[in-house]
PDB file of N, CA and C in Angstrom:
ATOM      1  N   MET A   1       0.841  -1.172   0.000  1.00  0.00           N
ATOM      2  CA  MET A   1       0.000   0.000   0.000  1.00  0.00           C
ATOM      3  C   MET A   1       0.892   1.243   0.000  1.00  0.00           C
ATOM      4  N   LYS A   2       0.547   2.189  -0.818  1.00  0.00           N
ATOM      5  CA  LYS A   2       1.320   3.408  -0.988  1.00  0.00           C
ATOM      6  C   LYS A   2       0.753   4.504  -0.104  1.00  0.00           C
ATOM      7  N   ALA A   3       1.621   5.201   0.618  1.00  0.00           N
ATOM      8  CA  ALA A   3       1.168   6.316   1.451  1.00  0.00           C
ATOM      9  C   ALA A   3       1.024   7.558   0.588  1.00  0.00           C
ATOM     10  N   ARG A   4       0.020   8.340   0.881  1.00  0.00           N
ATOM     11  CA  ARG A   4      -0.198   9.582   0.142  1.00  0.00           C
ATOM     12  C   ARG A   4      -0.057  10.757   1.087  1.00  0.00           C
ATOM     13  N   LEU A   5       0.659  11.760   0.599  1.00  0.00           N
ATOM     14  CA  LEU A   5       0.802  12.993   1.364  1.00  0.00           C
ATOM     15  C   LEU A   5      -0.372  13.911   1.067  1.00  0.00           C
ATOM     16  N   PRO A   6      -0.768  14.691   2.054  1.00  0.00           N
ATOM     17  CA  PRO A   6      -1.808  15.676   1.777  1.00  0.00           C
ATOM     18  C   PRO A   6      -1.365  16.618   0.659  1.00  0.00           C
ATOM     19  N   LYS A   7      -2.324  17.186  -0.068  1.00  0.00           N
ATOM     20  CA  LYS A   7      -2.041  18.037  -1.223  1.00  0.00           C
ATOM     21  C   LYS A   7      -1.112  19.194  -0.904  1.00  0.00           C
ATOM     22  N   GLU A   8      -1.291  19.821   0.257  1.00  0.00           N
ATOM     23  CA  GLU A   8      -0.452  20.979   0.601  1.00  0.00           C
ATOM     24  C   GLU A   8       1.028  20.610   0.662  1.00  0.00           C
ATOM     25  N   TYR A   9       1.342  19.382   1.077  1.00  0.00           N
ATOM     26  CA  TYR A   9       2.725  18.948   1.132  1.00  0.00           C
ATOM     27  C   TYR A   9       3.263  18.630  -0.262  1.00  0.00           C
ATOM     28  N   GLN A  10       2.411  18.101  -1.110  1.00  0.00           N
ATOM     29  CA  GLN A  10       2.829  17.753  -2.461  1.00  0.00           C
ATOM     30  C   GLN A  10       3.195  18.997  -3.257  1.00  0.00           C
ATOM     31  N   THR A  11       2.397  20.027  -3.195  1.00  0.00           N
ATOM     32  CA  THR A  11       2.683  21.232  -3.980  1.00  0.00           C
ATOM     33  C   THR A  11       3.845  22.013  -3.375  1.00  0.00           C
ATOM     34  N   ARG A  12       3.946  22.040  -2.063  1.00  0.00           N
ATOM     35  CA  ARG A  12       5.039  22.765  -1.429  1.00  0.00           C
ATOM     36  C   ARG A  12       6.377  22.113  -1.796  1.00  0.00           C
ATOM     37  N   GLY A  13       6.405  20.807  -1.841  1.00  0.00           N
ATOM     38  CA  GLY A  13       7.631  20.103  -2.200  1.00  0.00           C
ATOM     39  C   GLY A  13       8.083  20.436  -3.610  1.00  0.00           C
ATOM     40  N   ALA A  14       7.163  20.509  -4.549  1.00  0.00           N
ATOM     41  CA  ALA A  14       7.511  20.848  -5.927  1.00  0.00           C
ATOM     42  C   ALA A  14       8.022  22.279  -6.014  1.00  0.00           C
ATOM     43  N   GLY A  15       7.403  23.177  -5.257  1.00  0.00           N
ATOM     44  CA  GLY A  15       7.859  24.571  -5.245  1.00  0.00           C
ATOM     45  C   GLY A  15       9.254  24.685  -4.676  1.00  0.00           C
ATOM     46  N   ASN A  16       9.527  23.952  -3.609  1.00  0.00           N
ATOM     47  CA  ASN A  16      10.859  23.960  -3.016  1.00  0.00           C
ATOM     48  C   ASN A  16      11.905  23.421  -3.992  1.00  0.00           C
ATOM     49  N   MET A  17      11.530  22.393  -4.721  1.00  0.00           N
ATOM     50  CA  MET A  17      12.461  21.805  -5.687  1.00  0.00           C
ATOM     51  C   MET A  17      12.764  22.808  -6.796  1.00  0.00           C
ATOM     52  N   ASN A  18      11.737  23.500  -7.274  1.00  0.00           N
ATOM     53  CA  ASN A  18      11.962  24.511  -8.313  1.00  0.00           C
ATOM     54  C   ASN A  18      12.852  25.640  -7.794  1.00  0.00           C
ATOM     55  N   ASP A  19      12.620  26.055  -6.551  1.00  0.00           N
ATOM     56  CA  ASP A  19      13.461  27.096  -5.948  1.00  0.00           C
ATOM     57  C   ASP A  19      14.908  26.626  -5.843  1.00  0.00           C
ATOM     58  N   MET A  20      15.082  25.385  -5.430  1.00  0.00           N
ATOM     59  CA  MET A  20      16.431  24.842  -5.307  1.00  0.00           C
ATOM     60  C   MET A  20      17.121  24.777  -6.661  1.00  0.00           C
ATOM     61  N   LEU A  21      16.387  24.382  -7.684  1.00  0.00           N
ATOM     62  CA  LEU A  21      16.966  24.309  -9.026  1.00  0.00           C
ATOM     63  C   LEU A  21      17.345  25.704  -9.531  1.00  0.00           C
ATOM     64  N   ARG A  22      16.500  26.693  -9.251  1.00  0.00           N
ATOM     65  CA  ARG A  22      16.816  28.079  -9.639  1.00  0.00           C
ATOM     66  C   ARG A  22      18.068  28.569  -8.918  1.00  0.00           C
ATOM     67  N   GLN A  23      18.155  28.285  -7.623  1.00  0.00           N
ATOM     68  CA  GLN A  23      19.330  28.695  -6.852  1.00  0.00           C
ATOM     69  C   GLN A  23      20.593  28.003  -7.369  1.00  0.00           C
ATOM     70  N   ALA A  24      20.478  26.746  -7.716  1.00  0.00           N
ATOM     71  CA  ALA A  24      21.626  26.007  -8.246  1.00  0.00           C
ATOM     72  C   ALA A  24      22.075  26.608  -9.578  1.00  0.00           C
ATOM     73  N   GLN A  25      21.113  27.017 -10.406  1.00  0.00           N
ATOM     74  CA  GLN A  25      21.459  27.617 -11.694  1.00  0.00           C
ATOM     75  C   GLN A  25      22.160  28.963 -11.498  1.00  0.00           C
ATOM     76  N   VAL A  26      21.670  29.771 -10.548  1.00  0.00           N
ATOM     77  CA  VAL A  26      22.303  31.060 -10.247  1.00  0.00           C
ATOM     78  C   VAL A  26      23.726  30.831  -9.747  1.00  0.00           C
ATOM     79  N   MET A  27      23.901  29.838  -8.854  1.00  0.00           N
ATOM     80  CA  MET A  27      25.223  29.523  -8.328  1.00  0.00           C
ATOM     81  C   MET A  27      26.143  29.066  -9.457  1.00  0.00           C
ATOM     82  N   GLN A  28      25.640  28.231 -10.342  1.00  0.00           N
ATOM     83  CA  GLN A  28      26.437  27.731 -11.461  1.00  0.00           C
ATOM     84  C   GLN A  28      26.869  28.883 -12.368  1.00  0.00           C
ATOM     85  N   ASP A  29      25.972  29.819 -12.633  1.00  0.00           N
ATOM     86  CA  ASP A  29      26.304  30.984 -13.457  1.00  0.00           C
ATOM     87  C   ASP A  29      27.377  31.835 -12.781  1.00  0.00           C
ATOM     88  N   SER A  30      27.260  32.017 -11.468  1.00  0.00           N
ATOM     89  CA  SER A  30      28.258  32.801 -10.716  1.00  0.00           C
ATOM     90  C   SER A  30      29.622  32.126 -10.761  1.00  0.00           C
ATOM     91  N   ILE A  31      29.634  30.827 -10.594  1.00  0.00           N
ATOM     92  CA  ILE A  31      30.884  30.071 -10.613  1.00  0.00           C
ATOM     93  C   ILE A  31      31.558  30.195 -11.978  1.00  0.00           C
ATOM     94  N   LYS A  32      30.800  30.060 -13.040  1.00  0.00           N
ATOM     95  CA  LYS A  32      31.342  30.167 -14.397  1.00  0.00           C
ATOM     96  C   LYS A  32      31.938  31.551 -14.623  1.00  0.00           C
ATOM     97  N   LYS A  33      31.230  32.587 -14.171  1.00  0.00           N
ATOM     98  CA  LYS A  33      31.702  33.956 -14.338  1.00  0.00           C
ATOM     99  C   LYS A  33      33.026  34.151 -13.585  1.00  0.00           C
ATOM    100  N   ILE A  34      33.100  33.668 -12.357  1.00  0.00           N
ATOM    101  CA  ILE A  34      34.319  33.801 -11.559  1.00  0.00           C
ATOM    102  C   ILE A  34      35.467  33.045 -12.216  1.00  0.00           C
ATOM    103  N   GLN A  35      35.212  31.842 -12.690  1.00  0.00           N
ATOM    104  CA  GLN A  35      36.259  31.063 -13.351  1.00  0.00           C
ATOM    105  C   GLN A  35      36.788  31.795 -14.580  1.00  0.00           C
ATOM    106  N   ASP A  36      35.892  32.386 -15.359  1.00  0.00           N
ATOM    107  CA  ASP A  36      36.311  33.132 -16.543  1.00  0.00           C
ATOM    108  C   ASP A  36      37.154  34.347 -16.165  1.00  0.00           C
ATOM    109  N   GLU A  37      36.769  35.030 -15.101  1.00  0.00           N
ATOM    110  CA  GLU A  37      37.515  36.203 -14.656  1.00  0.00           C
ATOM    111  C   GLU A  37      38.885  35.821 -14.100  1.00  0.00           C
ATOM    112  N   LEU A  38      38.946  34.750 -13.336  1.00  0.00           N
ATOM    113  CA  LEU A  38      40.194  34.346 -12.682  1.00  0.00           C
ATOM    114  C   LEU A  38      41.252  33.854 -13.659  1.00  0.00           C
ATOM    115  N   LYS A  39      40.844  33.295 -14.771  1.00  0.00           N
ATOM    116  CA  LYS A  39      41.843  32.708 -15.670  1.00  0.00           C
ATOM    117  C   LYS A  39      42.805  33.745 -16.239  1.00  0.00           C
ATOM    118  N   ASP A  40      42.397  35.016 -16.298  1.00  0.00           N
ATOM    119  CA  ASP A  40      43.256  36.061 -16.849  1.00  0.00           C
ATOM    120  C   ASP A  40      44.016  36.860 -15.788  1.00  0.00           C
ATOM    121  N   VAL A  41      43.697  36.634 -14.512  1.00  0.00           N
ATOM    122  CA  VAL A  41      44.391  37.349 -13.441  1.00  0.00           C
ATOM    123  C   VAL A  41      45.821  36.821 -13.347  1.00  0.00           C
ATOM    124  N   GLU A  42      46.780  37.730 -13.141  1.00  0.00           N
ATOM    125  CA  GLU A  42      48.174  37.318 -13.004  1.00  0.00           C
ATOM    126  C   GLU A  42      48.609  37.401 -11.549  1.00  0.00           C
ATOM    127  N   TYR A  43      49.312  36.375 -11.099  1.00  0.00           N
ATOM    128  CA  TYR A  43      49.810  36.287  -9.735  1.00  0.00           C
ATOM    129  C   TYR A  43      51.336  36.214  -9.792  1.00  0.00           C
ATOM    130  N   THR A  44      51.984  36.969  -8.935  1.00  0.00           N
ATOM    131  CA  THR A  44      53.446  36.988  -8.902  1.00  0.00           C
ATOM    132  C   THR A  44      53.924  36.511  -7.540  1.00  0.00           C
ATOM    133  N   VAL A  45      54.917  35.625  -7.558  1.00  0.00           N
ATOM    134  CA  VAL A  45      55.534  35.142  -6.323  1.00  0.00           C
ATOM    135  C   VAL A  45      57.048  35.267  -6.462  1.00  0.00           C
ATOM    136  N   GLU A  46      57.700  35.289  -5.309  1.00  0.00           N
ATOM    137  CA  GLU A  46      59.155  35.361  -5.282  1.00  0.00           C
ATOM    138  C   GLU A  46      59.713  34.122  -4.589  1.00  0.00           C
ATOM    139  N   ALA A  47      60.904  33.745  -5.007  1.00  0.00           N
ATOM    140  CA  ALA A  47      61.618  32.635  -4.369  1.00  0.00           C
ATOM    141  C   ALA A  47      63.048  33.102  -4.110  1.00  0.00           C
ATOM    142  N   ALA A  48      63.704  32.442  -3.182  1.00  0.00           N
ATOM    143  CA  ALA A  48      65.100  32.742  -2.827  1.00  0.00           C
ATOM    144  C   ALA A  48      65.262  34.211  -2.446  1.00  0.00           C
ATOM    145  N   GLY A  49      64.354  34.680  -1.620  1.00  0.00           N
ATOM    146  CA  GLY A  49      64.458  36.055  -1.127  1.00  0.00           C
ATOM    147  C   GLY A  49      64.335  37.103  -2.216  1.00  0.00           C
ATOM    148  N   GLY A  50      63.559  36.825  -3.256  1.00  0.00           N
ATOM    149  CA  GLY A  50      63.351  37.784  -4.328  1.00  0.00           C
ATOM    150  C   GLY A  50      64.340  37.654  -5.475  1.00  0.00           C
ATOM    151  N   MET A  51      65.230  36.699  -5.391  1.00  0.00           N
ATOM    152  CA  MET A  51      66.209  36.509  -6.468  1.00  0.00           C
ATOM    153  C   MET A  51      65.560  35.911  -7.717  1.00  0.00           C
ATOM    154  N   VAL A  52      64.431  35.235  -7.520  1.00  0.00           N
ATOM    155  CA  VAL A  52      63.667  34.681  -8.637  1.00  0.00           C
ATOM    156  C   VAL A  52      62.224  35.141  -8.473  1.00  0.00           C
ATOM    157  N   GLU A  53      61.639  35.653  -9.549  1.00  0.00           N
ATOM    158  CA  GLU A  53      60.258  36.126  -9.529  1.00  0.00           C
ATOM    159  C   GLU A  53      59.501  35.427 -10.655  1.00  0.00           C
ATOM    160  N   LEU A  54      58.347  34.857 -10.314  1.00  0.00           N
ATOM    161  CA  LEU A  54      57.547  34.139 -11.299  1.00  0.00           C
ATOM    162  C   LEU A  54      56.157  34.757 -11.376  1.00  0.00           C
ATOM    163  N   THR A  55      55.623  34.843 -12.578  1.00  0.00           N
ATOM    164  CA  THR A  55      54.268  35.338 -12.781  1.00  0.00           C
ATOM    165  C   THR A  55      53.472  34.251 -13.496  1.00  0.00           C
ATOM    166  N   MET A  56      52.294  33.942 -12.931  1.00  0.00           N
ATOM    167  CA  MET A  56      51.438  32.886 -13.453  1.00  0.00           C
ATOM    168  C   MET A  56      50.009  33.411 -13.537  1.00  0.00           C
ATOM    169  N   THR A  57      49.272  32.951 -14.537  1.00  0.00           N
ATOM    170  CA  THR A  57      47.868  33.346 -14.654  1.00  0.00           C
ATOM    171  C   THR A  57      46.991  32.433 -13.807  1.00  0.00           C
ATOM    172  N   GLY A  58      45.746  32.843 -13.631  1.00  0.00           N
ATOM    173  CA  GLY A  58      44.784  32.026 -12.908  1.00  0.00           C
ATOM    174  C   GLY A  58      44.497  30.707 -13.607  1.00  0.00           C
ATOM    175  N   ALA A  59      44.832  30.621 -14.891  1.00  0.00           N
ATOM    176  CA  ALA A  59      44.679  29.370 -15.640  1.00  0.00           C
ATOM    177  C   ALA A  59      45.913  28.486 -15.484  1.00  0.00           C
ATOM    178  N   LYS A  60      46.823  28.888 -14.572  1.00  0.00           N
ATOM    179  CA  LYS A  60      48.058  28.161 -14.267  1.00  0.00           C
ATOM    180  C   LYS A  60      49.006  28.092 -15.464  1.00  0.00           C
ATOM    181  N   VAL A  61      49.045  29.191 -16.209  1.00  0.00           N
ATOM    182  CA  VAL A  61      49.996  29.322 -17.302  1.00  0.00           C
ATOM    183  C   VAL A  61      51.132  30.205 -16.801  1.00  0.00           C
ATOM    184  N   LEU A  62      52.346  29.691 -16.831  1.00  0.00           N
ATOM    185  CA  LEU A  62      53.509  30.445 -16.395  1.00  0.00           C
ATOM    186  C   LEU A  62      53.833  31.480 -17.462  1.00  0.00           C
ATOM    187  N   LYS A  63      53.778  32.764 -17.070  1.00  0.00           N
ATOM    188  CA  LYS A  63      53.992  33.850 -18.031  1.00  0.00           C
ATOM    189  C   LYS A  63      55.447  34.294 -18.079  1.00  0.00           C
ATOM    190  N   THR A  64      56.048  34.526 -16.899  1.00  0.00           N
ATOM    191  CA  THR A  64      57.425  35.012 -16.882  1.00  0.00           C
ATOM    192  C   THR A  64      58.192  34.422 -15.703  1.00  0.00           C
ATOM    193  N   ILE A  65      59.493  34.338 -15.901  1.00  0.00           N
ATOM    194  CA  ILE A  65      60.429  34.017 -14.829  1.00  0.00           C
ATOM    195  C   ILE A  65      61.555  35.041 -14.936  1.00  0.00           C
ATOM    196  N   LYS A  66      61.781  35.760 -13.841  1.00  0.00           N
ATOM    197  CA  LYS A  66      62.891  36.712 -13.796  1.00  0.00           C
ATOM    198  C   LYS A  66      63.906  36.191 -12.793  1.00  0.00           C
ATOM    199  N   ILE A  67      65.153  36.074 -13.251  1.00  0.00           N
ATOM    200  CA  ILE A  67      66.213  35.520 -12.412  1.00  0.00           C
ATOM    201  C   ILE A  67      67.314  36.562 -12.258  1.00  0.00           C
ATOM    202  N   SER A  68      67.676  36.837 -11.023  1.00  0.00           N
ATOM    203  CA  SER A  68      68.778  37.752 -10.755  1.00  0.00           C
ATOM    204  C   SER A  68      70.087  37.089 -11.176  1.00  0.00           C
ATOM    205  N   PRO A  69      70.938  37.821 -11.888  1.00  0.00           N
ATOM    206  CA  PRO A  69      72.228  37.247 -12.300  1.00  0.00           C
ATOM    207  C   PRO A  69      73.080  36.800 -11.112  1.00  0.00           C
ATOM    208  N   ASP A  70      72.841  37.401  -9.947  1.00  0.00           N
ATOM    209  CA  ASP A  70      73.629  37.042  -8.768  1.00  0.00           C
ATOM    210  C   ASP A  70      73.412  35.604  -8.311  1.00  0.00           C
ATOM    211  N   ILE A  71      72.300  35.029  -8.705  1.00  0.00           N
ATOM    212  CA  ILE A  71      71.983  33.676  -8.246  1.00  0.00           C
ATOM    213  C   ILE A  71      72.470  32.603  -9.227  1.00  0.00           C
ATOM    214  N   VAL A  72      72.894  33.016 -10.398  1.00  0.00           N
ATOM    215  CA  VAL A  72      73.315  32.066 -11.423  1.00  0.00           C
ATOM    216  C   VAL A  72      74.778  31.668 -11.194  1.00  0.00           C
ATOM    217  N   ASP A  73      74.953  30.371 -11.013  1.00  0.00           N
ATOM    218  CA  ASP A  73      76.298  29.812 -10.839  1.00  0.00           C
ATOM    219  C   ASP A  73      76.406  28.625 -11.786  1.00  0.00           C
ATOM    220  N   LYS A  74      77.184  28.790 -12.839  1.00  0.00           N
ATOM    221  CA  LYS A  74      77.248  27.733 -13.857  1.00  0.00           C
ATOM    222  C   LYS A  74      77.780  26.412 -13.307  1.00  0.00           C
ATOM    223  N   ASP A  75      78.452  26.471 -12.187  1.00  0.00           N
ATOM    224  CA  ASP A  75      78.969  25.241 -11.576  1.00  0.00           C
ATOM    225  C   ASP A  75      77.969  24.598 -10.616  1.00  0.00           C
ATOM    226  N   ASN A  76      76.846  25.254 -10.388  1.00  0.00           N
ATOM    227  CA  ASN A  76      75.843  24.724  -9.459  1.00  0.00           C
ATOM    228  C   ASN A  76      74.427  25.006  -9.980  1.00  0.00           C
ATOM    229  N   ILE A  77      74.124  24.450 -11.117  1.00  0.00           N
ATOM    230  CA  ILE A  77      72.823  24.634 -11.764  1.00  0.00           C
ATOM    231  C   ILE A  77      71.711  24.005 -10.929  1.00  0.00           C
ATOM    232  N   GLU A  78      72.020  22.964 -10.158  1.00  0.00           N
ATOM    233  CA  GLU A  78      70.995  22.258  -9.382  1.00  0.00           C
ATOM    234  C   GLU A  78      70.288  23.196  -8.406  1.00  0.00           C
ATOM    235  N   ASP A  79      71.013  24.102  -7.783  1.00  0.00           N
ATOM    236  CA  ASP A  79      70.377  25.043  -6.854  1.00  0.00           C
ATOM    237  C   ASP A  79      69.373  25.932  -7.576  1.00  0.00           C
ATOM    238  N   LEU A  80      69.733  26.416  -8.741  1.00  0.00           N
ATOM    239  CA  LEU A  80      68.821  27.257  -9.524  1.00  0.00           C
ATOM    240  C   LEU A  80      67.578  26.464  -9.929  1.00  0.00           C
ATOM    241  N   GLU A  81      67.776  25.222 -10.337  1.00  0.00           N
ATOM    242  CA  GLU A  81      66.642  24.361 -10.698  1.00  0.00           C
ATOM    243  C   GLU A  81      65.706  24.172  -9.508  1.00  0.00           C
ATOM    244  N   ASP A  82      66.283  23.949  -8.337  1.00  0.00           N
ATOM    245  CA  ASP A  82      65.469  23.773  -7.128  1.00  0.00           C
ATOM    246  C   ASP A  82      64.689  25.046  -6.798  1.00  0.00           C
ATOM    247  N   ILE A  83      65.333  26.193  -6.923  1.00  0.00           N
ATOM    248  CA  ILE A  83      64.670  27.464  -6.619  1.00  0.00           C
ATOM    249  C   ILE A  83      63.513  27.716  -7.579  1.00  0.00           C
ATOM    250  N   ILE A  84      63.721  27.421  -8.847  1.00  0.00           N
ATOM    251  CA  ILE A  84      62.642  27.602  -9.838  1.00  0.00           C
ATOM    252  C   ILE A  84      61.487  26.653  -9.536  1.00  0.00           C
ATOM    253  N   THR A  85      61.803  25.424  -9.188  1.00  0.00           N
ATOM    254  CA  THR A  85      60.757  24.452  -8.843  1.00  0.00           C
ATOM    255  C   THR A  85      59.941  24.933  -7.647  1.00  0.00           C
ATOM    256  N   VAL A  86      60.617  25.419  -6.616  1.00  0.00           N
ATOM    257  CA  VAL A  86      59.928  25.947  -5.434  1.00  0.00           C
ATOM    258  C   VAL A  86      59.038  27.134  -5.836  1.00  0.00           C
ATOM    259  N   GLY A  87      59.558  27.996  -6.679  1.00  0.00           N
ATOM    260  CA  GLY A  87      58.797  29.160  -7.115  1.00  0.00           C
ATOM    261  C   GLY A  87      57.555  28.794  -7.903  1.00  0.00           C
ATOM    262  N   VAL A  88      57.681  27.853  -8.815  1.00  0.00           N
ATOM    263  CA  VAL A  88      56.525  27.416  -9.616  1.00  0.00           C
ATOM    264  C   VAL A  88      55.468  26.799  -8.711  1.00  0.00           C
ATOM    265  N   ASN A  89      55.896  25.961  -7.778  1.00  0.00           N
ATOM    266  CA  ASN A  89      54.936  25.351  -6.850  1.00  0.00           C
ATOM    267  C   ASN A  89      54.255  26.403  -5.982  1.00  0.00           C
ATOM    268  N   ALA A  90      54.996  27.424  -5.563  1.00  0.00           N
ATOM    269  CA  ALA A  90      54.405  28.511  -4.768  1.00  0.00           C
ATOM    270  C   ALA A  90      53.389  29.286  -5.590  1.00  0.00           C
ATOM    271  N   ALA A  91      53.683  29.502  -6.864  1.00  0.00           N
ATOM    272  CA  ALA A  91      52.741  30.216  -7.734  1.00  0.00           C
ATOM    273  C   ALA A  91      51.458  29.412  -7.923  1.00  0.00           C
ATOM    274  N   ILE A  92      51.590  28.116  -8.140  1.00  0.00           N
ATOM    275  CA  ILE A  92      50.407  27.259  -8.302  1.00  0.00           C
ATOM    276  C   ILE A  92      49.566  27.288  -7.029  1.00  0.00           C
ATOM    277  N   THR A  93      50.213  27.184  -5.879  1.00  0.00           N
ATOM    278  CA  THR A  93      49.496  27.221  -4.603  1.00  0.00           C
ATOM    279  C   THR A  93      48.754  28.543  -4.440  1.00  0.00           C
ATOM    280  N   LYS A  94      49.402  29.649  -4.790  1.00  0.00           N
ATOM    281  CA  LYS A  94      48.767  30.956  -4.672  1.00  0.00           C
ATOM    282  C   LYS A  94      47.543  31.062  -5.577  1.00  0.00           C
ATOM    283  N   VAL A  95      47.662  30.606  -6.808  1.00  0.00           N
ATOM    284  CA  VAL A  95      46.537  30.627  -7.748  1.00  0.00           C
ATOM    285  C   VAL A  95      45.369  29.814  -7.185  1.00  0.00           C
ATOM    286  N   GLU A  96      45.646  28.625  -6.674  1.00  0.00           N
ATOM    287  CA  GLU A  96      44.590  27.759  -6.152  1.00  0.00           C
ATOM    288  C   GLU A  96      43.929  28.358  -4.916  1.00  0.00           C
ATOM    289  N   GLN A  97      44.725  28.968  -4.034  1.00  0.00           N
ATOM    290  CA  GLN A  97      44.155  29.584  -2.828  1.00  0.00           C
ATOM    291  C   GLN A  97      43.258  30.761  -3.180  1.00  0.00           C
ATOM    292  N   GLU A  98      43.683  31.582  -4.119  1.00  0.00           N
ATOM    293  CA  GLU A  98      42.868  32.726  -4.534  1.00  0.00           C
ATOM    294  C   GLU A  98      41.575  32.258  -5.197  1.00  0.00           C
ATOM    295  N   ALA A  99      41.669  31.220  -6.014  1.00  0.00           N
ATOM    296  CA  ALA A  99      40.479  30.683  -6.671  1.00  0.00           C
ATOM    297  C   ALA A  99      39.500  30.119  -5.636  1.00  0.00           C
ATOM    298  N   GLU A 100      40.021  29.424  -4.630  1.00  0.00           N
ATOM    299  CA  GLU A 100      39.163  28.878  -3.574  1.00  0.00           C
ATOM    300  C   GLU A 100      38.430  29.991  -2.833  1.00  0.00           C
ATOM    301  N   LYS A 101      39.144  31.077  -2.523  1.00  0.00           N
ATOM    302  CA  LYS A 101      38.513  32.201  -1.818  1.00  0.00           C
ATOM    303  C   LYS A 101      37.369  32.783  -2.636  1.00  0.00           C
ATOM    304  N   GLU A 102      37.601  32.954  -3.928  1.00  0.00           N
ATOM    305  CA  GLU A 102      36.563  33.520  -4.789  1.00  0.00           C
ATOM    306  C   GLU A 102      35.378  32.566  -4.942  1.00  0.00           C
ATOM    307  N   MET A 103      35.655  31.271  -5.030  1.00  0.00           N
ATOM    308  CA  MET A 103      34.576  30.285  -5.170  1.00  0.00           C
ATOM    309  C   MET A 103      33.735  30.208  -3.899  1.00  0.00           C
ATOM    310  N   GLU A 104      34.371  30.368  -2.737  1.00  0.00           N
ATOM    311  CA  GLU A 104      33.616  30.356  -1.481  1.00  0.00           C
ATOM    312  C   GLU A 104      32.595  31.486  -1.455  1.00  0.00           C
ATOM    313  N   LYS A 105      32.970  32.618  -2.029  1.00  0.00           N
ATOM    314  CA  LYS A 105      32.026  33.743  -2.101  1.00  0.00           C
ATOM    315  C   LYS A 105      30.813  33.371  -2.948  1.00  0.00           C
ATOM    316  N   ALA A 106      31.045  32.687  -4.056  1.00  0.00           N
ATOM    317  CA  ALA A 106      29.957  32.326  -4.971  1.00  0.00           C
ATOM    318  C   ALA A 106      29.085  31.211  -4.427  1.00  0.00           C
ATOM    319  N   THR A 107      29.693  30.282  -3.684  1.00  0.00           N
ATOM    320  CA  THR A 107      28.947  29.117  -3.217  1.00  0.00           C
ATOM    321  C   THR A 107      28.447  29.264  -1.791  1.00  0.00           C
ATOM    322  N   GLY A 108      28.776  30.387  -1.166  1.00  0.00           N
ATOM    323  CA  GLY A 108      28.360  30.578   0.219  1.00  0.00           C
ATOM    324  C   GLY A 108      29.061  29.631   1.172  1.00  0.00           C
ATOM    325  N   GLY A 109      30.261  29.195   0.811  1.00  0.00           N
ATOM    326  CA  GLY A 109      31.036  28.316   1.678  1.00  0.00           C
ATOM    327  C   GLY A 109      30.762  26.850   1.485  1.00  0.00           C
ATOM    328  N   ILE A 110      29.861  26.494   0.573  1.00  0.00           N
ATOM    329  CA  ILE A 110      29.567  25.083   0.305  1.00  0.00           C
ATOM    330  C   ILE A 110      30.745  24.493  -0.461  1.00  0.00           C
ATOM    331  N   ASN A 111      31.256  23.372   0.013  1.00  0.00           N
ATOM    332  CA  ASN A 111      32.374  22.716  -0.661  1.00  0.00           C
ATOM    333  C   ASN A 111      31.835  21.837  -1.777  1.00  0.00           C
ATOM    334  N   ILE A 112      32.187  22.201  -3.004  1.00  0.00           N
ATOM    335  CA  ILE A 112      31.758  21.419  -4.172  1.00  0.00           C
ATOM    336  C   ILE A 112      33.016  20.801  -4.785  1.00  0.00           C
ATOM    337  N   PRO A 113      33.212  19.499  -4.648  1.00  0.00           N
ATOM    338  CA  PRO A 113      34.424  18.843  -5.143  1.00  0.00           C
ATOM    339  C   PRO A 113      34.649  19.096  -6.627  1.00  0.00           C
ATOM    340  N   GLY A 114      35.920  19.311  -6.987  1.00  0.00           N
ATOM    341  CA  GLY A 114      36.284  19.483  -8.385  1.00  0.00           C
ATOM    342  C   GLY A 114      36.037  20.861  -8.953  1.00  0.00           C
ATOM    343  N   LEU A 115      35.688  21.822  -8.100  1.00  0.00           N
ATOM    344  CA  LEU A 115      35.347  23.147  -8.588  1.00  0.00           C
ATOM    345  C   LEU A 115      36.562  23.941  -8.989  1.00  0.00           C
ATOM    346  N   VAL A 116      37.609  23.837  -8.235  1.00  0.00           N
ATOM    347  CA  VAL A 116      38.801  24.646  -8.507  1.00  0.00           C
ATOM    348  C   VAL A 116      39.857  23.789  -9.151  1.00  0.00           C
TER     349      VAL A 116
END
C-alpha cells in the first residue's frame, strides 16, 4: 500500500524543488563567471628572497620568470633548478588559494568537489 501525502505537502515540495533548481542555476552561473575572470588574473611570487620572480595566470599558465644574475652559478645549476621548482609550486598554490577564496564567495562556503 502506498502512502499519500496531503495536497499541501505535495505542492510545497515541488515549489521547493523549483526554488532549489533556480538557486543552483544562479550559483552555477556565478561560478562560471568567476572562473572566466580568474583565468586572466596574473599572480606573482618570489623565491630565494626575491632573487627569482615568477608570474602565473589564474589558468596556471607560467607567463614570466625573472632571475637575478647574482643567483646564477654555472657550476651549481641544481640550486637554480630547485629554486625555480619551489617558485613554480608557490605560484600554483597561490593561484589555487585565490580561486578557492573567490569560489567560497559564490557558493556561500559550500564545498563542491572538483570546482577549482
